[in-house]
Amino acid sequence: MPVTVETGLWQLDPTASAVALRHKTMWGLVTVKGTFAGVTGRGEVAADGTATGTLAIDASSLDTRNKKRDDHLRSADFFDAGNHPEITFAVRGAVRGAGDAVDVDGQLTVRGISRPQKITAKLVSADTDGLTLEAEFTVDRNEFGMGWNQGGMIRGLTTVTGTLRFTRAAA
């Protein structure tokens, strides 16, 4: 029996949420992993069960556990966090799929460049206090103006993962 999600406004709980990325570099020999510390968001579930919302990520909050690399990733070669401090994912519509699947139609904006993004999230839990979604999808960084690739070391797609915990928002 599918979990029911209550209608209304939902607020992201940043202490119980995580957004991370991983990308193979050094010609596929090394996987760089990082997490974003600054994540906020809100959503609304309508009476028909569909949902809309926005997730905002502080581009300068990326931590790969290497300060020199993090500074480079925040630079104009990659996220250009000084000019584009937020990465956003606007959920234009989300509907329940089969089982615990949630089909999400959204728009990802990185460096001021927006692209449509469809993902399938997993509804991990839902009750009157909150709901938790998990998602994983890939992004072609070149589509967002992040084509820096010294010596051809960085190839392929970047994988983004998220565990998002939402709690009932005050009206």
N, C-alpha and C. Protein backbone atom coordinates (compact mmCIF):
# COMPACT_ATOMS: atom_id res chain seq x y z
N MET A 1 0.84 -1.18 0.00
CA MET A 1 0.00 0.00 0.00
C MET A 1 0.88 1.24 0.00
N PRO A 2 0.70 2.17 -0.95
CA PRO A 2 1.58 3.34 -1.00
C PRO A 2 1.38 4.27 0.18
N VAL A 3 2.46 4.92 0.56
CA VAL A 3 2.44 5.89 1.65
C VAL A 3 1.69 7.13 1.17
N THR A 4 0.84 7.68 2.03
CA THR A 4 0.08 8.88 1.69
C THR A 4 0.84 10.11 2.18
N VAL A 5 0.93 11.12 1.33
CA VAL A 5 1.56 12.38 1.71
C VAL A 5 0.45 13.41 1.89
N GLU A 6 0.45 14.05 3.04
CA GLU A 6 -0.59 15.03 3.35
C GLU A 6 -0.41 16.30 2.52
N THR A 7 -1.56 16.93 2.21
CA THR A 7 -1.53 18.18 1.47
C THR A 7 -0.99 19.29 2.36
N GLY A 8 -0.56 20.38 1.73
CA GLY A 8 -0.11 21.54 2.48
C GLY A 8 1.32 21.93 2.15
N LEU A 9 1.85 22.82 2.97
CA LEU A 9 3.20 23.35 2.78
C LEU A 9 4.20 22.54 3.59
N TRP A 10 5.36 22.31 2.97
CA TRP A 10 6.43 21.54 3.58
C TRP A 10 7.73 22.33 3.49
N GLN A 11 8.52 22.30 4.56
CA GLN A 11 9.79 23.03 4.65
C GLN A 11 10.93 22.02 4.75
N LEU A 12 12.01 22.25 3.98
CA LEU A 12 13.17 21.36 4.04
C LEU A 12 13.84 21.50 5.41
N ASP A 13 14.18 20.38 6.00
CA ASP A 13 14.96 20.35 7.25
C ASP A 13 16.42 20.16 6.86
N PRO A 14 17.22 21.24 6.86
CA PRO A 14 18.60 21.12 6.38
C PRO A 14 19.47 20.23 7.27
N THR A 15 19.10 20.07 8.53
CA THR A 15 19.90 19.22 9.42
C THR A 15 19.70 17.73 9.13
N ALA A 16 18.60 17.38 8.47
CA ALA A 16 18.32 15.98 8.17
C ALA A 16 18.37 15.71 6.66
N SER A 17 18.93 16.66 5.90
CA SER A 17 19.00 16.56 4.44
C SER A 17 20.45 16.64 3.98
N ALA A 18 20.70 16.09 2.80
CA ALA A 18 22.05 16.14 2.23
C ALA A 18 21.97 16.14 0.71
N VAL A 19 22.81 16.99 0.10
CA VAL A 19 22.96 16.99 -1.36
C VAL A 19 24.44 16.83 -1.64
N ALA A 20 24.76 15.87 -2.49
CA ALA A 20 26.17 15.57 -2.78
C ALA A 20 26.36 15.37 -4.27
N LEU A 21 27.62 15.38 -4.68
CA LEU A 21 27.95 15.07 -6.07
C LEU A 21 29.19 14.21 -6.11
N ARG A 22 29.32 13.52 -7.23
CA ARG A 22 30.55 12.75 -7.47
C ARG A 22 30.83 12.78 -8.97
N HIS A 23 32.11 12.82 -9.29
CA HIS A 23 32.52 12.90 -10.68
C HIS A 23 33.88 12.22 -10.82
N LYS A 24 33.99 11.41 -11.86
CA LYS A 24 35.28 10.76 -12.13
C LYS A 24 36.19 11.77 -12.82
N THR A 25 37.43 11.81 -12.36
CA THR A 25 38.43 12.72 -12.91
C THR A 25 39.73 11.93 -13.11
N MET A 26 40.76 12.60 -13.50
CA MET A 26 42.05 11.94 -13.78
C MET A 26 41.83 10.77 -14.74
N TRP A 27 41.13 11.06 -15.84
CA TRP A 27 40.84 10.09 -16.89
C TRP A 27 40.05 8.90 -16.37
N GLY A 28 39.19 9.14 -15.39
CA GLY A 28 38.33 8.10 -14.84
C GLY A 28 38.95 7.28 -13.72
N LEU A 29 40.15 7.63 -13.29
CA LEU A 29 40.84 6.85 -12.27
C LEU A 29 40.49 7.27 -10.84
N VAL A 30 40.04 8.52 -10.66
CA VAL A 30 39.75 9.06 -9.33
C VAL A 30 38.33 9.60 -9.32
N THR A 31 37.59 9.31 -8.26
CA THR A 31 36.25 9.86 -8.11
C THR A 31 36.29 10.96 -7.07
N VAL A 32 35.96 12.18 -7.49
CA VAL A 32 35.88 13.32 -6.58
C VAL A 32 34.47 13.33 -6.02
N LYS A 33 34.36 13.41 -4.69
CA LYS A 33 33.08 13.46 -4.01
C LYS A 33 33.00 14.74 -3.20
N GLY A 34 31.82 15.32 -3.15
CA GLY A 34 31.63 16.52 -2.36
C GLY A 34 30.19 16.64 -1.88
N THR A 35 30.01 17.40 -0.82
CA THR A 35 28.68 17.67 -0.28
C THR A 35 28.47 19.17 -0.18
N PHE A 36 27.22 19.58 -0.33
CA PHE A 36 26.84 20.98 -0.18
C PHE A 36 26.27 21.16 1.23
N ALA A 37 26.84 22.07 2.00
CA ALA A 37 26.37 22.30 3.37
C ALA A 37 25.14 23.21 3.40
N GLY A 38 25.02 24.11 2.45
CA GLY A 38 23.93 25.07 2.45
C GLY A 38 22.80 24.68 1.52
N VAL A 39 21.76 24.06 2.07
CA VAL A 39 20.62 23.62 1.27
C VAL A 39 19.33 24.08 1.96
N THR A 40 18.45 24.72 1.20
CA THR A 40 17.14 25.13 1.71
C THR A 40 16.08 24.73 0.70
N GLY A 41 14.84 24.70 1.13
CA GLY A 41 13.78 24.37 0.19
C GLY A 41 12.40 24.39 0.82
N ARG A 42 11.42 24.46 -0.06
CA ARG A 42 10.01 24.42 0.32
C ARG A 42 9.25 23.68 -0.76
N GLY A 43 8.12 23.14 -0.36
CA GLY A 43 7.27 22.47 -1.32
C GLY A 43 5.82 22.55 -0.90
N GLU A 44 4.96 22.30 -1.86
CA GLU A 44 3.53 22.28 -1.56
C GLU A 44 2.90 21.08 -2.25
N VAL A 45 2.14 20.32 -1.47
CA VAL A 45 1.39 19.19 -2.00
C VAL A 45 -0.06 19.64 -2.13
N ALA A 46 -0.58 19.56 -3.35
CA ALA A 46 -1.95 19.99 -3.63
C ALA A 46 -2.94 18.87 -3.28
N ALA A 47 -4.21 19.22 -3.26
CA ALA A 47 -5.26 18.25 -2.92
C ALA A 47 -5.28 17.06 -3.86
N ASP A 48 -4.86 17.24 -5.12
CA ASP A 48 -4.85 16.12 -6.08
C ASP A 48 -3.60 15.24 -5.94
N GLY A 49 -2.72 15.57 -4.96
CA GLY A 49 -1.53 14.77 -4.72
C GLY A 49 -0.29 15.21 -5.48
N THR A 50 -0.44 16.17 -6.40
CA THR A 50 0.73 16.67 -7.12
C THR A 50 1.50 17.64 -6.22
N ALA A 51 2.75 17.86 -6.55
CA ALA A 51 3.58 18.74 -5.73
C ALA A 51 4.40 19.68 -6.60
N THR A 52 4.71 20.84 -6.03
CA THR A 52 5.61 21.81 -6.63
C THR A 52 6.54 22.29 -5.52
N GLY A 53 7.63 22.94 -5.90
CA GLY A 53 8.53 23.45 -4.87
C GLY A 53 9.85 23.90 -5.44
N THR A 54 10.73 24.32 -4.56
CA THR A 54 12.04 24.79 -4.96
C THR A 54 13.09 24.35 -3.95
N LEU A 55 14.22 23.93 -4.47
CA LEU A 55 15.38 23.59 -3.66
C LEU A 55 16.48 24.57 -4.05
N ALA A 56 17.12 25.20 -3.06
CA ALA A 56 18.21 26.14 -3.32
C ALA A 56 19.47 25.65 -2.60
N ILE A 57 20.57 25.66 -3.34
CA ILE A 57 21.85 25.18 -2.81
C ILE A 57 22.85 26.32 -2.89
N ASP A 58 23.55 26.57 -1.79
CA ASP A 58 24.61 27.57 -1.75
C ASP A 58 25.82 26.99 -2.49
N ALA A 59 26.11 27.55 -3.67
CA ALA A 59 27.19 27.02 -4.51
C ALA A 59 28.55 27.07 -3.81
N SER A 60 28.74 28.04 -2.94
CA SER A 60 30.03 28.17 -2.26
C SER A 60 30.16 27.20 -1.08
N SER A 61 29.10 26.45 -0.77
CA SER A 61 29.14 25.54 0.38
C SER A 61 29.65 24.15 0.02
N LEU A 62 30.08 23.94 -1.23
CA LEU A 62 30.59 22.63 -1.64
C LEU A 62 31.88 22.31 -0.90
N ASP A 63 31.94 21.12 -0.34
CA ASP A 63 33.11 20.67 0.41
C ASP A 63 33.54 19.31 -0.13
N THR A 64 34.73 19.26 -0.75
CA THR A 64 35.30 18.00 -1.24
C THR A 64 36.46 17.54 -0.36
N ARG A 65 36.66 18.24 0.75
CA ARG A 65 37.74 17.95 1.70
C ARG A 65 39.12 18.27 1.13
N ASN A 66 39.14 19.22 0.19
CA ASN A 66 40.40 19.68 -0.37
C ASN A 66 40.21 21.17 -0.69
N LYS A 67 40.77 22.05 0.15
CA LYS A 67 40.52 23.49 0.03
C LYS A 67 40.91 24.05 -1.33
N LYS A 68 42.05 23.64 -1.86
CA LYS A 68 42.49 24.16 -3.16
C LYS A 68 41.49 23.76 -4.25
N ARG A 69 41.05 22.51 -4.24
CA ARG A 69 40.08 22.06 -5.22
C ARG A 69 38.74 22.78 -5.02
N ASP A 70 38.30 22.92 -3.76
CA ASP A 70 37.04 23.60 -3.48
C ASP A 70 37.07 25.04 -3.98
N ASP A 71 38.18 25.72 -3.76
CA ASP A 71 38.32 27.10 -4.25
C ASP A 71 38.22 27.13 -5.77
N HIS A 72 38.84 26.15 -6.44
CA HIS A 72 38.78 26.10 -7.90
C HIS A 72 37.34 25.81 -8.37
N LEU A 73 36.65 24.89 -7.68
CA LEU A 73 35.27 24.57 -8.06
C LEU A 73 34.33 25.77 -7.87
N ARG A 74 34.65 26.65 -6.93
CA ARG A 74 33.83 27.86 -6.71
C ARG A 74 34.16 28.96 -7.72
N SER A 75 35.26 28.83 -8.43
CA SER A 75 35.73 29.86 -9.36
C SER A 75 34.92 29.87 -10.65
N ALA A 76 35.26 30.83 -11.52
CA ALA A 76 34.57 30.98 -12.81
C ALA A 76 34.78 29.76 -13.73
N ASP A 77 35.79 28.93 -13.47
CA ASP A 77 35.99 27.72 -14.26
C ASP A 77 34.85 26.72 -14.08
N PHE A 78 34.20 26.78 -12.90
CA PHE A 78 33.15 25.81 -12.59
C PHE A 78 31.88 26.53 -12.15
N PHE A 79 31.58 26.55 -10.84
CA PHE A 79 30.30 27.08 -10.36
C PHE A 79 30.18 28.60 -10.41
N ASP A 80 31.30 29.31 -10.49
CA ASP A 80 31.28 30.78 -10.53
C ASP A 80 30.40 31.31 -9.39
N ALA A 81 30.66 30.83 -8.19
CA ALA A 81 29.82 31.14 -7.02
C ALA A 81 29.77 32.63 -6.70
N GLY A 82 30.80 33.39 -7.06
CA GLY A 82 30.78 34.82 -6.80
C GLY A 82 29.69 35.54 -7.59
N ASN A 83 29.45 35.09 -8.82
CA ASN A 83 28.42 35.69 -9.67
C ASN A 83 27.10 34.93 -9.65
N HIS A 84 27.15 33.65 -9.30
CA HIS A 84 25.95 32.80 -9.28
C HIS A 84 25.95 32.01 -7.98
N PRO A 85 25.58 32.67 -6.88
CA PRO A 85 25.71 32.04 -5.57
C PRO A 85 24.77 30.87 -5.31
N GLU A 86 23.70 30.75 -6.08
CA GLU A 86 22.75 29.67 -5.84
C GLU A 86 22.60 28.73 -7.03
N ILE A 87 22.49 27.46 -6.71
CA ILE A 87 22.07 26.44 -7.65
C ILE A 87 20.63 26.14 -7.25
N THR A 88 19.72 26.15 -8.21
CA THR A 88 18.32 25.90 -7.84
C THR A 88 17.74 24.74 -8.65
N PHE A 89 16.81 24.07 -8.01
CA PHE A 89 16.02 23.06 -8.69
C PHE A 89 14.57 23.41 -8.42
N ALA A 90 13.88 23.86 -9.47
CA ALA A 90 12.47 24.24 -9.36
C ALA A 90 11.63 23.06 -9.80
N VAL A 91 10.82 22.55 -8.90
CA VAL A 91 9.93 21.44 -9.22
C VAL A 91 8.66 22.02 -9.81
N ARG A 92 8.47 21.80 -11.09
CA ARG A 92 7.26 22.30 -11.78
C ARG A 92 6.09 21.37 -11.54
N GLY A 93 6.39 20.12 -11.32
CA GLY A 93 5.34 19.15 -11.04
C GLY A 93 5.94 17.83 -10.61
N ALA A 94 5.37 17.25 -9.58
CA ALA A 94 5.80 15.94 -9.11
C ALA A 94 4.54 15.12 -8.85
N VAL A 95 4.55 13.89 -9.35
CA VAL A 95 3.41 13.00 -9.18
C VAL A 95 3.90 11.63 -8.73
N ARG A 96 3.06 10.96 -7.96
CA ARG A 96 3.39 9.63 -7.51
C ARG A 96 3.40 8.68 -8.69
N GLY A 97 4.41 7.86 -8.74
CA GLY A 97 4.49 6.81 -9.75
C GLY A 97 4.14 5.48 -9.10
N ALA A 98 4.64 4.43 -9.67
CA ALA A 98 4.40 3.09 -9.12
C ALA A 98 5.18 2.90 -7.82
N GLY A 99 4.56 2.25 -6.85
CA GLY A 99 5.24 1.95 -5.59
C GLY A 99 5.64 3.22 -4.87
N ASP A 100 6.94 3.32 -4.54
CA ASP A 100 7.44 4.48 -3.81
C ASP A 100 8.07 5.53 -4.72
N ALA A 101 7.88 5.41 -6.03
CA ALA A 101 8.47 6.34 -6.99
C ALA A 101 7.70 7.66 -7.05
N VAL A 102 8.44 8.74 -7.22
CA VAL A 102 7.87 10.06 -7.44
C VAL A 102 8.52 10.60 -8.72
N ASP A 103 7.70 10.84 -9.73
CA ASP A 103 8.20 11.36 -11.01
C ASP A 103 8.23 12.88 -10.93
N VAL A 104 9.43 13.43 -11.07
CA VAL A 104 9.64 14.86 -10.87
C VAL A 104 10.02 15.52 -12.19
N ASP A 105 9.29 16.56 -12.54
CA ASP A 105 9.58 17.37 -13.72
C ASP A 105 10.03 18.72 -13.19
N GLY A 106 11.30 19.05 -13.45
CA GLY A 106 11.84 20.28 -12.87
C GLY A 106 12.74 21.03 -13.82
N GLN A 107 13.33 22.07 -13.25
CA GLN A 107 14.29 22.88 -13.98
C GLN A 107 15.48 23.13 -13.07
N LEU A 108 16.65 22.70 -13.54
CA LEU A 108 17.90 22.88 -12.81
C LEU A 108 18.59 24.13 -13.34
N THR A 109 19.00 25.02 -12.43
CA THR A 109 19.71 26.23 -12.81
C THR A 109 21.06 26.26 -12.11
N VAL A 110 22.13 26.30 -12.93
CA VAL A 110 23.50 26.36 -12.44
C VAL A 110 24.20 27.45 -13.24
N ARG A 111 24.91 28.34 -12.57
CA ARG A 111 25.64 29.44 -13.23
C ARG A 111 24.70 30.32 -14.06
N GLY A 112 23.44 30.41 -13.65
CA GLY A 112 22.47 31.23 -14.37
C GLY A 112 21.92 30.57 -15.63
N ILE A 113 22.31 29.33 -15.89
CA ILE A 113 21.84 28.58 -17.06
C ILE A 113 20.82 27.56 -16.59
N SER A 114 19.63 27.58 -17.18
CA SER A 114 18.55 26.67 -16.78
C SER A 114 18.31 25.61 -17.84
N ARG A 115 18.12 24.41 -17.36
CA ARG A 115 17.83 23.27 -18.24
C ARG A 115 16.73 22.43 -17.61
N PRO A 116 15.84 21.85 -18.43
CA PRO A 116 14.83 20.95 -17.88
C PRO A 116 15.52 19.71 -17.32
N GLN A 117 14.95 19.17 -16.25
CA GLN A 117 15.54 17.98 -15.64
C GLN A 117 14.41 17.10 -15.12
N LYS A 118 14.33 15.89 -15.62
CA LYS A 118 13.35 14.92 -15.13
C LYS A 118 14.09 13.89 -14.30
N ILE A 119 13.56 13.62 -13.12
CA ILE A 119 14.17 12.61 -12.26
C ILE A 119 13.07 11.75 -11.64
N THR A 120 13.46 10.61 -11.17
CA THR A 120 12.57 9.78 -10.39
C THR A 120 13.14 9.71 -8.98
N ALA A 121 12.39 10.22 -8.03
CA ALA A 121 12.79 10.18 -6.63
C ALA A 121 12.10 8.99 -5.96
N LYS A 122 12.58 8.64 -4.79
CA LYS A 122 11.99 7.56 -4.01
C LYS A 122 11.44 8.16 -2.72
N LEU A 123 10.17 7.92 -2.45
CA LEU A 123 9.57 8.36 -1.20
C LEU A 123 9.93 7.33 -0.14
N VAL A 124 10.87 7.69 0.72
CA VAL A 124 11.40 6.76 1.71
C VAL A 124 10.45 6.64 2.89
N SER A 125 9.90 7.77 3.33
CA SER A 125 8.96 7.74 4.45
C SER A 125 8.07 8.97 4.39
N ALA A 126 6.88 8.83 4.97
CA ALA A 126 5.95 9.96 5.07
C ALA A 126 4.99 9.69 6.22
N ASP A 127 4.84 10.70 7.08
CA ASP A 127 3.86 10.64 8.15
C ASP A 127 3.41 12.07 8.43
N THR A 128 2.66 12.28 9.49
CA THR A 128 2.14 13.63 9.78
C THR A 128 3.26 14.60 10.13
N ASP A 129 4.42 14.10 10.59
CA ASP A 129 5.52 14.98 10.99
C ASP A 129 6.46 15.35 9.84
N GLY A 130 6.57 14.49 8.84
CA GLY A 130 7.51 14.78 7.78
C GLY A 130 7.52 13.74 6.69
N LEU A 131 8.32 14.03 5.68
CA LEU A 131 8.50 13.08 4.59
C LEU A 131 9.94 13.16 4.12
N THR A 132 10.44 12.03 3.64
CA THR A 132 11.82 11.95 3.18
C THR A 132 11.84 11.39 1.76
N LEU A 133 12.57 12.09 0.90
CA LEU A 133 12.75 11.69 -0.49
C LEU A 133 14.23 11.43 -0.73
N GLU A 134 14.52 10.46 -1.59
CA GLU A 134 15.89 10.22 -2.04
C GLU A 134 15.88 10.27 -3.56
N ALA A 135 16.94 10.83 -4.12
CA ALA A 135 17.04 10.92 -5.58
C ALA A 135 18.49 10.84 -6.00
N GLU A 136 18.69 10.34 -7.22
CA GLU A 136 20.01 10.32 -7.84
C GLU A 136 19.80 10.53 -9.33
N PHE A 137 20.58 11.46 -9.90
CA PHE A 137 20.50 11.70 -11.33
C PHE A 137 21.85 12.21 -11.82
N THR A 138 22.02 12.22 -13.14
CA THR A 138 23.28 12.69 -13.71
C THR A 138 23.07 14.00 -14.46
N VAL A 139 24.15 14.77 -14.52
CA VAL A 139 24.14 16.07 -15.17
C VAL A 139 25.38 16.18 -16.04
N ASP A 140 25.21 16.73 -17.22
CA ASP A 140 26.34 17.04 -18.10
C ASP A 140 26.78 18.47 -17.76
N ARG A 141 27.90 18.61 -17.08
CA ARG A 141 28.34 19.93 -16.62
C ARG A 141 28.58 20.90 -17.77
N ASN A 142 28.90 20.38 -18.96
CA ASN A 142 29.12 21.25 -20.13
C ASN A 142 27.85 22.04 -20.49
N GLU A 143 26.66 21.46 -20.22
CA GLU A 143 25.41 22.15 -20.52
C GLU A 143 25.20 23.38 -19.63
N PHE A 144 26.00 23.49 -18.57
CA PHE A 144 25.87 24.61 -17.64
C PHE A 144 27.11 25.50 -17.66
N GLY A 145 27.85 25.44 -18.76
CA GLY A 145 29.01 26.32 -18.91
C GLY A 145 30.22 25.94 -18.09
N MET A 146 30.30 24.68 -17.68
CA MET A 146 31.44 24.23 -16.87
C MET A 146 32.29 23.27 -17.70
N GLY A 147 32.84 23.80 -18.79
CA GLY A 147 33.60 22.97 -19.72
C GLY A 147 35.08 22.88 -19.43
N TRP A 148 35.56 23.53 -18.35
CA TRP A 148 36.99 23.48 -18.03
C TRP A 148 37.42 22.03 -17.91
N ASN A 149 38.52 21.68 -18.62
CA ASN A 149 38.94 20.29 -18.66
C ASN A 149 40.41 20.21 -19.04
N GLN A 150 41.27 20.63 -18.15
CA GLN A 150 42.70 20.65 -18.43
C GLN A 150 43.22 19.25 -18.73
N GLY A 151 43.83 19.11 -19.88
CA GLY A 151 44.43 17.84 -20.27
C GLY A 151 43.42 16.72 -20.49
N GLY A 152 42.16 17.06 -20.64
CA GLY A 152 41.14 16.03 -20.86
C GLY A 152 40.91 15.13 -19.65
N MET A 153 41.27 15.63 -18.44
CA MET A 153 41.17 14.79 -17.24
C MET A 153 39.73 14.55 -16.78
N ILE A 154 38.83 15.48 -17.09
CA ILE A 154 37.47 15.39 -16.57
C ILE A 154 36.53 15.03 -17.70
N ARG A 155 35.98 13.83 -17.64
CA ARG A 155 35.08 13.36 -18.69
C ARG A 155 33.81 12.81 -18.07
N GLY A 156 32.80 12.66 -18.87
CA GLY A 156 31.59 12.01 -18.41
C GLY A 156 30.65 12.91 -17.65
N LEU A 157 29.68 12.27 -17.02
CA LEU A 157 28.61 12.97 -16.34
C LEU A 157 28.89 13.07 -14.85
N THR A 158 28.31 14.08 -14.23
CA THR A 158 28.39 14.25 -12.79
C THR A 158 27.13 13.65 -12.18
N THR A 159 27.28 12.87 -11.14
CA THR A 159 26.14 12.27 -10.45
C THR A 159 25.80 13.12 -9.23
N VAL A 160 24.53 13.47 -9.12
CA VAL A 160 24.02 14.25 -8.00
C VAL A 160 23.11 13.34 -7.19
N THR A 161 23.29 13.33 -5.88
CA THR A 161 22.43 12.55 -4.99
C THR A 161 21.85 13.47 -3.93
N GLY A 162 20.66 13.15 -3.50
CA GLY A 162 20.03 13.94 -2.45
C GLY A 162 19.16 13.10 -1.56
N THR A 163 19.24 13.38 -0.28
CA THR A 163 18.30 12.88 0.70
C THR A 163 17.66 14.12 1.29
N LEU A 164 16.37 14.28 1.08
CA LEU A 164 15.67 15.51 1.45
C LEU A 164 14.57 15.20 2.45
N ARG A 165 14.68 15.78 3.63
CA ARG A 165 13.69 15.60 4.69
C ARG A 165 12.87 16.88 4.79
N PHE A 166 11.57 16.77 4.61
CA PHE A 166 10.66 17.90 4.72
C PHE A 166 9.77 17.73 5.94
N THR A 167 9.51 18.84 6.63
CA THR A 167 8.59 18.84 7.76
C THR A 167 7.48 19.83 7.46
N ARG A 168 6.38 19.68 8.14
CA ARG A 168 5.22 20.55 7.95
C ARG A 168 5.64 21.99 8.19
N ALA A 169 5.33 22.88 7.24
CA ALA A 169 5.67 24.30 7.36
C ALA A 169 4.54 25.04 8.07
N ALA A 170 4.91 26.08 8.79
CA ALA A 170 3.91 26.93 9.44
C ALA A 170 3.11 27.65 8.36
N ALA A 171 1.82 27.75 8.57
CA ALA A 171 0.94 28.38 7.56
C ALA A 171 1.19 29.86 7.45
